[in-house]
Amino acid sequence: TVTGVEEVLRFDENEVELRTSRGRLLVRGEDLHVGRLAIESGELGVDG
């Protein structure tokens, strides 16, 4: 779970790249799925 999300730049099952209020964040893993995305509130949920 990530808060302070400003924009999701790209995502696939191995990487999610987003811009947060504290800089660009890259999440790497396997079978990653964006389960919850609320840009208005700046929240992102990823399963995998």
All heavy atoms as atom14 arrays in JSON, in Angstrom:
{
  "sequence": "TVTGVEEVLRFDENEVELRTSRGRLLVRGEDLHVGRLAIESGELGVDG",
  "atom14_mask": [
    [1, 1, 1, 1, 1, 1, 1, 0, 0, 0, 0, 0, 0, 0],
    [1, 1, 1, 1, 1, 1, 1, 0, 0, 0, 0, 0, 0, 0],
    [1, 1, 1, 1, 1, 1, 1, 0, 0, 0, 0, 0, 0, 0],
    [1, 1, 1, 1, 0, 0, 0, 0, 0, 0, 0, 0, 0, 0],
    [1, 1, 1, 1, 1, 1, 1, 0, 0, 0, 0, 0, 0, 0],
    [1, 1, 1, 1, 1, 1, 1, 1, 1, 0, 0, 0, 0, 0],
    [1, 1, 1, 1, 1, 1, 1, 1, 1, 0, 0, 0, 0, 0],
    [1, 1, 1, 1, 1, 1, 1, 0, 0, 0, 0, 0, 0, 0],
    [1, 1, 1, 1, 1, 1, 1, 1, 0, 0, 0, 0, 0, 0],
    [1, 1, 1, 1, 1, 1, 1, 1, 1, 1, 1, 0, 0, 0],
    [1, 1, 1, 1, 1, 1, 1, 1, 1, 1, 1, 0, 0, 0],
    [1, 1, 1, 1, 1, 1, 1, 1, 0, 0, 0, 0, 0, 0],
    [1, 1, 1, 1, 1, 1, 1, 1, 1, 0, 0, 0, 0, 0],
    [1, 1, 1, 1, 1, 1, 1, 1, 0, 0, 0, 0, 0, 0],
    [1, 1, 1, 1, 1, 1, 1, 1, 1, 0, 0, 0, 0, 0],
    [1, 1, 1, 1, 1, 1, 1, 0, 0, 0, 0, 0, 0, 0],
    [1, 1, 1, 1, 1, 1, 1, 1, 1, 0, 0, 0, 0, 0],
    [1, 1, 1, 1, 1, 1, 1, 1, 0, 0, 0, 0, 0, 0],
    [1, 1, 1, 1, 1, 1, 1, 1, 1, 1, 1, 0, 0, 0],
    [1, 1, 1, 1, 1, 1, 1, 0, 0, 0, 0, 0, 0, 0],
    [1, 1, 1, 1, 1, 1, 0, 0, 0, 0, 0, 0, 0, 0],
    [1, 1, 1, 1, 1, 1, 1, 1, 1, 1, 1, 0, 0, 0],
    [1, 1, 1, 1, 0, 0, 0, 0, 0, 0, 0, 0, 0, 0],
    [1, 1, 1, 1, 1, 1, 1, 1, 1, 1, 1, 0, 0, 0],
    [1, 1, 1, 1, 1, 1, 1, 1, 0, 0, 0, 0, 0, 0],
    [1, 1, 1, 1, 1, 1, 1, 1, 0, 0, 0, 0, 0, 0],
    [1, 1, 1, 1, 1, 1, 1, 0, 0, 0, 0, 0, 0, 0],
    [1, 1, 1, 1, 1, 1, 1, 1, 1, 1, 1, 0, 0, 0],
    [1, 1, 1, 1, 0, 0, 0, 0, 0, 0, 0, 0, 0, 0],
    [1, 1, 1, 1, 1, 1, 1, 1, 1, 0, 0, 0, 0, 0],
    [1, 1, 1, 1, 1, 1, 1, 1, 0, 0, 0, 0, 0, 0],
    [1, 1, 1, 1, 1, 1, 1, 1, 0, 0, 0, 0, 0, 0],
    [1, 1, 1, 1, 1, 1, 1, 1, 1, 1, 0, 0, 0, 0],
    [1, 1, 1, 1, 1, 1, 1, 0, 0, 0, 0, 0, 0, 0],
    [1, 1, 1, 1, 0, 0, 0, 0, 0, 0, 0, 0, 0, 0],
    [1, 1, 1, 1, 1, 1, 1, 1, 1, 1, 1, 0, 0, 0],
    [1, 1, 1, 1, 1, 1, 1, 1, 0, 0, 0, 0, 0, 0],
    [1, 1, 1, 1, 1, 0, 0, 0, 0, 0, 0, 0, 0, 0],
    [1, 1, 1, 1, 1, 1, 1, 1, 0, 0, 0, 0, 0, 0],
    [1, 1, 1, 1, 1, 1, 1, 1, 1, 0, 0, 0, 0, 0],
    [1, 1, 1, 1, 1, 1, 0, 0, 0, 0, 0, 0, 0, 0],
    [1, 1, 1, 1, 0, 0, 0, 0, 0, 0, 0, 0, 0, 0],
    [1, 1, 1, 1, 1, 1, 1, 1, 1, 0, 0, 0, 0, 0],
    [1, 1, 1, 1, 1, 1, 1, 1, 0, 0, 0, 0, 0, 0],
    [1, 1, 1, 1, 0, 0, 0, 0, 0, 0, 0, 0, 0, 0],
    [1, 1, 1, 1, 1, 1, 1, 0, 0, 0, 0, 0, 0, 0],
    [1, 1, 1, 1, 1, 1, 1, 1, 0, 0, 0, 0, 0, 0],
    [1, 1, 1, 1, 0, 0, 0, 0, 0, 0, 0, 0, 0, 0]
  ],
  "atom14_positions": [
    [[0.86, -1.17, 0.0], [0.0, 0.0, 0.0], [0.9, 1.23, 0.0], [1.83, 1.32, 0.8], [-0.91, 0.03, 1.24], [-1.66, -1.18, 1.3], [-1.85, 1.21, 1.19], [0.0, 0.0, 0.0], [0.0, 0.0, 0.0], [0.0, 0.0, 0.0], [0.0, 0.0, 0.0], [0.0, 0.0, 0.0], [0.0, 0.0, 0.0], [0.0, 0.0, 0.0]],
    [[0.62, 2.16, -0.91], [1.41, 3.38, -1.04], [0.46, 4.57, -0.99], [-0.56, 4.58, -1.69], [2.21, 3.41, -2.36], [3.07, 4.66, -2.45], [3.05, 2.16, -2.53], [0.0, 0.0, 0.0], [0.0, 0.0, 0.0], [0.0, 0.0, 0.0], [0.0, 0.0, 0.0], [0.0, 0.0, 0.0], [0.0, 0.0, 0.0], [0.0, 0.0, 0.0]],
    [[0.77, 5.56, -0.17], [0.02, 6.81, -0.15], [0.93, 7.92, -0.67], [2.14, 7.77, -0.72], [-0.48, 7.16, 1.26], [0.65, 7.36, 2.11], [-1.37, 6.07, 1.82], [0.0, 0.0, 0.0], [0.0, 0.0, 0.0], [0.0, 0.0, 0.0], [0.0, 0.0, 0.0], [0.0, 0.0, 0.0], [0.0, 0.0, 0.0], [0.0, 0.0, 0.0]],
    [[0.34, 9.03, -1.06], [1.11, 10.13, -1.62], [1.41, 9.92, -3.09], [2.31, 10.54, -3.64], [0.0, 0.0, 0.0], [0.0, 0.0, 0.0], [0.0, 0.0, 0.0], [0.0, 0.0, 0.0], [0.0, 0.0, 0.0], [0.0, 0.0, 0.0], [0.0, 0.0, 0.0], [0.0, 0.0, 0.0], [0.0, 0.0, 0.0], [0.0, 0.0, 0.0]],
    [[0.64, 9.06, -3.76], [0.84, 8.76, -5.19], [0.27, 9.91, -6.01], [-0.87, 10.32, -5.82], [0.16, 7.44, -5.58], [0.28, 7.2, -7.08], [0.77, 6.28, -4.81], [0.0, 0.0, 0.0], [0.0, 0.0, 0.0], [0.0, 0.0, 0.0], [0.0, 0.0, 0.0], [0.0, 0.0, 0.0], [0.0, 0.0, 0.0], [0.0, 0.0, 0.0]],
    [[1.08, 10.43, -6.92], [0.63, 11.5, -7.8], [0.3, 10.98, -9.19], [-0.6, 11.51, -9.84], [1.71, 12.58, -7.89], [1.93, 13.26, -6.55], [3.07, 14.26, -6.57], [3.81, 14.32, -7.58], [3.21, 14.99, -5.57], [0.0, 0.0, 0.0], [0.0, 0.0, 0.0], [0.0, 0.0, 0.0], [0.0, 0.0, 0.0], [0.0, 0.0, 0.0]],
    [[1.01, 9.95, -9.65], [0.77, 9.42, -11.0], [1.38, 8.02, -11.11], [2.46, 7.78, -10.6], [1.42, 10.35, -12.03], [1.25, 9.92, -13.45], [1.91, 10.87, -14.44], [2.69, 11.76, -14.03], [1.65, 10.71, -15.64], [0.0, 0.0, 0.0], [0.0, 0.0, 0.0], [0.0, 0.0, 0.0], [0.0, 0.0, 0.0], [0.0, 0.0, 0.0]],
    [[0.66, 7.13, -11.78], [1.21, 5.83, -12.12], [1.8, 5.98, -13.52], [1.09, 6.28, -14.47], [0.14, 4.71, -12.09], [0.74, 3.39, -12.55], [-0.44, 4.57, -10.7], [0.0, 0.0, 0.0], [0.0, 0.0, 0.0], [0.0, 0.0, 0.0], [0.0, 0.0, 0.0], [0.0, 0.0, 0.0], [0.0, 0.0, 0.0], [0.0, 0.0, 0.0]],
    [[3.11, 5.8, -13.63], [3.8, 6.02, -14.9], [3.69, 4.81, -15.82], [3.51, 4.95, -17.02], [5.27, 6.36, -14.64], [5.48, 7.61, -13.78], [6.94, 7.76, -13.4], [4.98, 8.84, -14.51], [0.0, 0.0, 0.0], [0.0, 0.0, 0.0], [0.0, 0.0, 0.0], [0.0, 0.0, 0.0], [0.0, 0.0, 0.0], [0.0, 0.0, 0.0]],
    [[3.82, 3.6, -15.25], [3.65, 2.38, -16.04], [3.57, 1.21, -15.08], [4.0, 1.29, -13.93], [4.79, 2.18, -17.03], [6.14, 1.94, -16.42], [7.23, 1.81, -17.5], [8.5, 1.64, -16.86], [8.98, 0.48, -16.4], [8.28, -0.62, -16.54], [10.15, 0.41, -15.81], [0.0, 0.0, 0.0], [0.0, 0.0, 0.0], [0.0, 0.0, 0.0]],
    [[3.0, 0.11, -15.58], [2.95, -1.1, -14.76], [2.77, -2.32, -15.64], [2.2, -2.26, -16.72], [1.85, -1.02, -13.69], [0.45, -0.99, -14.23], [-0.27, -2.14, -14.42], [-0.14, 0.22, -14.54], [-1.55, -2.12, -14.91], [-1.43, 0.27, -15.04], [-2.14, -0.9, -15.22], [0.0, 0.0, 0.0], [0.0, 0.0, 0.0], [0.0, 0.0, 0.0]],
    [[3.33, -3.43, -15.18], [3.1, -4.75, -15.75], [3.24, -5.74, -14.61], [3.32, -5.36, -13.45], [4.04, -5.05, -16.94], [5.51, -5.02, -16.58], [5.87, -5.39, -15.44], [6.33, -4.64, -17.43], [0.0, 0.0, 0.0], [0.0, 0.0, 0.0], [0.0, 0.0, 0.0], [0.0, 0.0, 0.0], [0.0, 0.0, 0.0], [0.0, 0.0, 0.0]],
    [[3.28, -7.03, -14.91], [3.28, -8.01, -13.83], [4.61, -8.11, -13.09], [4.68, -8.73, -12.03], [2.88, -9.39, -14.35], [3.83, -9.98, -15.36], [3.33, -11.32, -15.86], [2.13, -11.58, -15.82], [4.19, -12.1, -16.3], [0.0, 0.0, 0.0], [0.0, 0.0, 0.0], [0.0, 0.0, 0.0], [0.0, 0.0, 0.0], [0.0, 0.0, 0.0]],
    [[5.67, -7.44, -13.6], [6.97, -7.48, -12.94], [7.43, -6.15, -12.36], [8.34, -6.11, -11.55], [8.04, -8.0, -13.9], [7.77, -9.43, -14.32], [7.45, -10.28, -13.51], [7.87, -9.68, -15.61], [0.0, 0.0, 0.0], [0.0, 0.0, 0.0], [0.0, 0.0, 0.0], [0.0, 0.0, 0.0], [0.0, 0.0, 0.0], [0.0, 0.0, 0.0]],
    [[6.82, -5.04, -12.8], [7.23, -3.72, -12.33], [6.04, -2.76, -12.28], [5.18, -2.79, -13.15], [8.28, -3.1, -13.25], [9.63, -3.75, -13.19], [10.66, -3.01, -14.04], [10.29, -2.2, -14.9], [11.84, -3.25, -13.81], [0.0, 0.0, 0.0], [0.0, 0.0, 0.0], [0.0, 0.0, 0.0], [0.0, 0.0, 0.0], [0.0, 0.0, 0.0]],
    [[6.06, -1.91, -11.28], [5.12, -0.79, -11.19], [5.96, 0.44, -10.92], [6.74, 0.48, -9.98], [4.1, -0.99, -10.04], [3.16, 0.2, -9.96], [3.32, -2.29, -10.22], [0.0, 0.0, 0.0], [0.0, 0.0, 0.0], [0.0, 0.0, 0.0], [0.0, 0.0, 0.0], [0.0, 0.0, 0.0], [0.0, 0.0, 0.0], [0.0, 0.0, 0.0]],
    [[5.82, 1.45, -11.79], [6.58, 2.68, -11.63], [5.6, 3.82, -11.39], [4.65, 4.0, -12.15], [7.41, 2.97, -12.88], [8.28, 4.19, -12.76], [9.16, 4.43, -13.98], [9.03, 3.71, -14.98], [9.97, 5.36, -13.92], [0.0, 0.0, 0.0], [0.0, 0.0, 0.0], [0.0, 0.0, 0.0], [0.0, 0.0, 0.0], [0.0, 0.0, 0.0]],
    [[5.83, 4.57, -10.32], [4.93, 5.66, -10.0], [5.68, 6.86, -9.48], [6.82, 6.77, -9.03], [3.88, 5.21, -8.99], [4.34, 4.35, -7.83], [4.02, 5.03, -6.53], [3.61, 3.03, -7.91], [0.0, 0.0, 0.0], [0.0, 0.0, 0.0], [0.0, 0.0, 0.0], [0.0, 0.0, 0.0], [0.0, 0.0, 0.0], [0.0, 0.0, 0.0]],
    [[5.02, 8.0, -9.58], [5.56, 9.23, -9.04], [4.81, 9.53, -7.76], [3.59, 9.57, -7.73], [5.39, 10.37, -10.04], [6.08, 11.64, -9.61], [6.19, 12.67, -10.72], [5.08, 12.63, -11.63], [4.12, 13.56, -11.71], [4.16, 14.6, -10.94], [3.15, 13.45, -12.58], [0.0, 0.0, 0.0], [0.0, 0.0, 0.0], [0.0, 0.0, 0.0]],
    [[5.57, 9.74, -6.68], [4.98, 10.04, -5.39], [5.38, 11.45, -4.97], [6.21, 12.09, -5.62], [5.45, 9.05, -4.3], [6.81, 9.32, -3.98], [5.3, 7.6, -4.75], [0.0, 0.0, 0.0], [0.0, 0.0, 0.0], [0.0, 0.0, 0.0], [0.0, 0.0, 0.0], [0.0, 0.0, 0.0], [0.0, 0.0, 0.0], [0.0, 0.0, 0.0]],
    [[4.83, 11.89, -3.86], [5.18, 13.22, -3.35], [6.63, 13.27, -2.87], [7.17, 14.34, -2.65], [4.23, 13.6, -2.22], [4.3, 12.64, -1.17], [0.0, 0.0, 0.0], [0.0, 0.0, 0.0], [0.0, 0.0, 0.0], [0.0, 0.0, 0.0], [0.0, 0.0, 0.0], [0.0, 0.0, 0.0], [0.0, 0.0, 0.0], [0.0, 0.0, 0.0]],
    [[7.28, 12.12, -2.74], [8.68, 12.06, -2.31], [9.62, 11.54, -3.38], [10.74, 11.14, -3.1], [8.8, 11.16, -1.07], [8.08, 11.69, 0.12], [8.74, 12.96, 0.59], [8.07, 13.43, 1.81], [8.42, 14.51, 2.43], [9.4, 15.23, 1.98], [7.78, 14.86, 3.5], [0.0, 0.0, 0.0], [0.0, 0.0, 0.0], [0.0, 0.0, 0.0]],
    [[9.18, 11.52, -4.64], [10.03, 11.09, -5.73], [9.47, 9.88, -6.45], [8.42, 9.35, -6.11], [0.0, 0.0, 0.0], [0.0, 0.0, 0.0], [0.0, 0.0, 0.0], [0.0, 0.0, 0.0], [0.0, 0.0, 0.0], [0.0, 0.0, 0.0], [0.0, 0.0, 0.0], [0.0, 0.0, 0.0], [0.0, 0.0, 0.0], [0.0, 0.0, 0.0]],
    [[10.19, 9.46, -7.47], [9.78, 8.32, -8.29], [10.07, 7.03, -7.55], [11.14, 6.86, -6.98], [10.52, 8.36, -9.63], [9.92, 7.48, -10.69], [10.49, 7.8, -12.07], [11.93, 7.93, -12.08], [12.76, 6.95, -12.38], [12.32, 5.77, -12.71], [14.06, 7.16, -12.37], [0.0, 0.0, 0.0], [0.0, 0.0, 0.0], [0.0, 0.0, 0.0]],
    [[9.1, 6.11, -7.56], [9.23, 4.83, -6.87], [9.02, 3.71, -7.86], [8.05, 3.71, -8.61], [8.19, 4.73, -5.74], [8.09, 3.4, -4.99], [9.41, 3.07, -4.28], [6.94, 3.44, -4.0], [0.0, 0.0, 0.0], [0.0, 0.0, 0.0], [0.0, 0.0, 0.0], [0.0, 0.0, 0.0], [0.0, 0.0, 0.0], [0.0, 0.0, 0.0]],
    [[9.94, 2.75, -7.87], [9.85, 1.58, -8.72], [9.68, 0.36, -7.83], [10.47, 0.13, -6.92], [11.12, 1.44, -9.57], [11.17, 0.26, -10.53], [10.05, 0.34, -11.56], [12.52, 0.22, -11.23], [0.0, 0.0, 0.0], [0.0, 0.0, 0.0], [0.0, 0.0, 0.0], [0.0, 0.0, 0.0], [0.0, 0.0, 0.0], [0.0, 0.0, 0.0]],
    [[8.62, -0.4, -8.09], [8.33, -1.62, -7.35], [8.58, -2.79, -8.29], [8.02, -2.83, -9.39], [6.86, -1.66, -6.87], [6.57, -2.94, -6.12], [6.54, -0.43, -6.03], [0.0, 0.0, 0.0], [0.0, 0.0, 0.0], [0.0, 0.0, 0.0], [0.0, 0.0, 0.0], [0.0, 0.0, 0.0], [0.0, 0.0, 0.0], [0.0, 0.0, 0.0]],
    [[9.43, -3.72, -7.88], [9.72, -4.89, -8.69], [9.27, -6.14, -7.95], [9.34, -6.2, -6.73], [11.21, -4.99, -9.01], [11.68, -3.9, -9.93], [13.13, -4.14, -10.37], [13.54, -3.09, -11.27], [14.56, -2.28, -11.06], [15.29, -2.41, -9.97], [14.87, -1.35, -11.93], [0.0, 0.0, 0.0], [0.0, 0.0, 0.0], [0.0, 0.0, 0.0]],
    [[8.83, -7.13, -8.72], [8.4, -8.38, -8.12], [7.84, -9.32, -9.16], [8.17, -9.23, -10.35], [0.0, 0.0, 0.0], [0.0, 0.0, 0.0], [0.0, 0.0, 0.0], [0.0, 0.0, 0.0], [0.0, 0.0, 0.0], [0.0, 0.0, 0.0], [0.0, 0.0, 0.0], [0.0, 0.0, 0.0], [0.0, 0.0, 0.0], [0.0, 0.0, 0.0]],
    [[6.97, -10.22, -8.72], [6.36, -11.21, -9.61], [4.85, -11.19, -9.41], [4.36, -11.01, -8.3], [6.9, -12.6, -9.32], [8.38, -12.75, -9.59], [8.9, -14.13, -9.21], [8.1, -14.99, -8.82], [10.12, -14.31, -9.28], [0.0, 0.0, 0.0], [0.0, 0.0, 0.0], [0.0, 0.0, 0.0], [0.0, 0.0, 0.0], [0.0, 0.0, 0.0]],
    [[4.13, -11.39, -10.5], [2.66, -11.43, -10.47], [2.05, -10.21, -9.79], [1.11, -10.32, -9.01], [2.17, -12.72, -9.78], [2.61, -13.96, -10.52], [2.61, -13.93, -11.77], [2.97, -14.95, -9.85], [0.0, 0.0, 0.0], [0.0, 0.0, 0.0], [0.0, 0.0, 0.0], [0.0, 0.0, 0.0], [0.0, 0.0, 0.0], [0.0, 0.0, 0.0]],
    [[2.59, -9.04, -10.09], [2.09, -7.8, -9.49], [0.8, -7.37, -10.19], [0.72, -7.36, -11.43], [3.13, -6.68, -9.61], [4.47, -6.94, -8.92], [5.43, -5.78, -9.19], [4.29, -7.16, -7.43], [0.0, 0.0, 0.0], [0.0, 0.0, 0.0], [0.0, 0.0, 0.0], [0.0, 0.0, 0.0], [0.0, 0.0, 0.0], [0.0, 0.0, 0.0]],
    [[-0.19, -7.04, -9.39], [-1.49, -6.59, -9.9], [-1.92, -5.37, -9.12], [-1.9, -5.4, -7.88], [-2.55, -7.69, -9.75], [-2.19, -8.96, -10.45], [-2.29, -9.13, -11.8], [-1.7, -10.12, -9.95], [-1.9, -10.35, -12.13], [-1.52, -10.97, -11.03], [0.0, 0.0, 0.0], [0.0, 0.0, 0.0], [0.0, 0.0, 0.0], [0.0, 0.0, 0.0]],
    [[-2.29, -4.32, -9.84], [-2.8, -3.12, -9.18], [-4.24, -3.42, -8.79], [-5.11, -3.56, -9.64], [-2.72, -1.89, -10.1], [-3.37, -0.68, -9.45], [-1.27, -1.58, -10.45], [0.0, 0.0, 0.0], [0.0, 0.0, 0.0], [0.0, 0.0, 0.0], [0.0, 0.0, 0.0], [0.0, 0.0, 0.0], [0.0, 0.0, 0.0], [0.0, 0.0, 0.0]],
    [[-4.46, -3.58, -7.5], [-5.78, -3.93, -7.01], [-6.64, -2.73, -6.69], [-7.84, -2.74, -6.86], [0.0, 0.0, 0.0], [0.0, 0.0, 0.0], [0.0, 0.0, 0.0], [0.0, 0.0, 0.0], [0.0, 0.0, 0.0], [0.0, 0.0, 0.0], [0.0, 0.0, 0.0], [0.0, 0.0, 0.0], [0.0, 0.0, 0.0], [0.0, 0.0, 0.0]],
    [[-6.02, -1.66, -6.22], [-6.75, -0.45, -5.84], [-5.94, 0.76, -6.28], [-4.75, 0.86, -6.0], [-6.96, -0.43, -4.32], [-7.75, 0.76, -3.85], [-7.93, 0.77, -2.33], [-6.65, 1.0, -1.68], [-6.03, 0.14, -0.88], [-6.57, -1.03, -0.65], [-4.89, 0.44, -0.32], [0.0, 0.0, 0.0], [0.0, 0.0, 0.0], [0.0, 0.0, 0.0]],
    [[-6.6, 1.67, -6.97], [-5.95, 2.89, -7.42], [-6.92, 4.04, -7.24], [-7.99, 4.04, -7.83], [-5.52, 2.77, -8.89], [-4.95, 4.02, -9.55], [-3.7, 4.47, -8.83], [-4.67, 3.75, -11.01], [0.0, 0.0, 0.0], [0.0, 0.0, 0.0], [0.0, 0.0, 0.0], [0.0, 0.0, 0.0], [0.0, 0.0, 0.0], [0.0, 0.0, 0.0]],
    [[-6.55, 4.98, -6.4], [-7.37, 6.16, -6.16], [-6.46, 7.38, -6.23], [-5.92, 7.83, -5.22], [-8.07, 6.07, -4.81], [0.0, 0.0, 0.0], [0.0, 0.0, 0.0], [0.0, 0.0, 0.0], [0.0, 0.0, 0.0], [0.0, 0.0, 0.0], [0.0, 0.0, 0.0], [0.0, 0.0, 0.0], [0.0, 0.0, 0.0], [0.0, 0.0, 0.0]],
    [[-6.27, 7.89, -7.43], [-5.37, 9.03, -7.64], [-5.86, 10.26, -6.89], [-5.07, 11.05, -6.38], [-5.19, 9.32, -9.15], [-4.49, 8.15, -9.84], [-4.44, 10.61, -9.38], [-3.07, 7.92, -9.37], [0.0, 0.0, 0.0], [0.0, 0.0, 0.0], [0.0, 0.0, 0.0], [0.0, 0.0, 0.0], [0.0, 0.0, 0.0], [0.0, 0.0, 0.0]],
    [[-7.19, 10.44, -6.8], [-7.73, 11.61, -6.1], [-7.22, 11.68, -4.67], [-6.87, 12.74, -4.18], [-9.26, 11.59, -6.1], [-9.9, 11.51, -7.46], [-9.96, 10.07, -7.99], [-10.15, 9.12, -7.21], [-9.81, 9.9, -9.21], [0.0, 0.0, 0.0], [0.0, 0.0, 0.0], [0.0, 0.0, 0.0], [0.0, 0.0, 0.0], [0.0, 0.0, 0.0]],
    [[-7.2, 10.52, -3.99], [-6.73, 10.49, -2.6], [-5.26, 10.11, -2.51], [-4.66, 10.16, -1.43], [-7.56, 9.51, -1.78], [-7.43, 8.2, -2.27], [0.0, 0.0, 0.0], [0.0, 0.0, 0.0], [0.0, 0.0, 0.0], [0.0, 0.0, 0.0], [0.0, 0.0, 0.0], [0.0, 0.0, 0.0], [0.0, 0.0, 0.0], [0.0, 0.0, 0.0]],
    [[-4.65, 9.7, -3.64], [-3.23, 9.37, -3.66], [-2.9, 8.01, -3.09], [-1.8, 7.81, -2.58], [0.0, 0.0, 0.0], [0.0, 0.0, 0.0], [0.0, 0.0, 0.0], [0.0, 0.0, 0.0], [0.0, 0.0, 0.0], [0.0, 0.0, 0.0], [0.0, 0.0, 0.0], [0.0, 0.0, 0.0], [0.0, 0.0, 0.0], [0.0, 0.0, 0.0]],
    [[-3.83, 7.04, -3.2], [-3.6, 5.71, -2.65], [-3.5, 4.66, -3.75], [-4.24, 4.7, -4.73], [-4.72, 5.33, -1.7], [-4.77, 6.18, -0.46], [-5.87, 5.74, 0.49], [-6.13, 4.53, 0.6], [-6.46, 6.63, 1.11], [0.0, 0.0, 0.0], [0.0, 0.0, 0.0], [0.0, 0.0, 0.0], [0.0, 0.0, 0.0], [0.0, 0.0, 0.0]],
    [[-2.58, 3.72, -3.56], [-2.37, 2.63, -4.5], [-2.2, 1.34, -3.72], [-1.48, 1.31, -2.72], [-1.11, 2.89, -5.35], [-0.68, 1.76, -6.27], [-1.57, 1.72, -7.5], [0.76, 1.92, -6.68], [0.0, 0.0, 0.0], [0.0, 0.0, 0.0], [0.0, 0.0, 0.0], [0.0, 0.0, 0.0], [0.0, 0.0, 0.0], [0.0, 0.0, 0.0]],
    [[-2.85, 0.28, -4.18], [-2.7, -1.04, -3.58], [-2.21, -2.02, -4.64], [-2.75, -2.05, -5.74], [0.0, 0.0, 0.0], [0.0, 0.0, 0.0], [0.0, 0.0, 0.0], [0.0, 0.0, 0.0], [0.0, 0.0, 0.0], [0.0, 0.0, 0.0], [0.0, 0.0, 0.0], [0.0, 0.0, 0.0], [0.0, 0.0, 0.0], [0.0, 0.0, 0.0]],
    [[-1.19, -2.79, -4.31], [-0.62, -3.76, -5.24], [-0.58, -5.12, -4.55], [-0.14, -5.22, -3.4], [0.81, -3.35, -5.68], [1.43, -4.4, -6.59], [0.79, -2.0, -6.37], [0.0, 0.0, 0.0], [0.0, 0.0, 0.0], [0.0, 0.0, 0.0], [0.0, 0.0, 0.0], [0.0, 0.0, 0.0], [0.0, 0.0, 0.0], [0.0, 0.0, 0.0]],
    [[-1.03, -6.15, -5.26], [-0.94, -7.53, -4.78], [0.08, -8.27, -5.61], [0.25, -7.98, -6.8], [-2.3, -8.23, -4.91], [-3.38, -7.55, -4.08], [-3.08, -7.19, -2.94], [-4.51, -7.41, -4.58], [0.0, 0.0, 0.0], [0.0, 0.0, 0.0], [0.0, 0.0, 0.0], [0.0, 0.0, 0.0], [0.0, 0.0, 0.0], [0.0, 0.0, 0.0]],
    [[0.75, -9.25, -5.03], [1.75, -10.05, -5.72], [2.96, -10.22, -4.81], [2.92, -9.89, -3.63], [0.0, 0.0, 0.0], [0.0, 0.0, 0.0], [0.0, 0.0, 0.0], [0.0, 0.0, 0.0], [0.0, 0.0, 0.0], [0.0, 0.0, 0.0], [0.0, 0.0, 0.0], [0.0, 0.0, 0.0], [0.0, 0.0, 0.0], [0.0, 0.0, 0.0]]
  ]
}
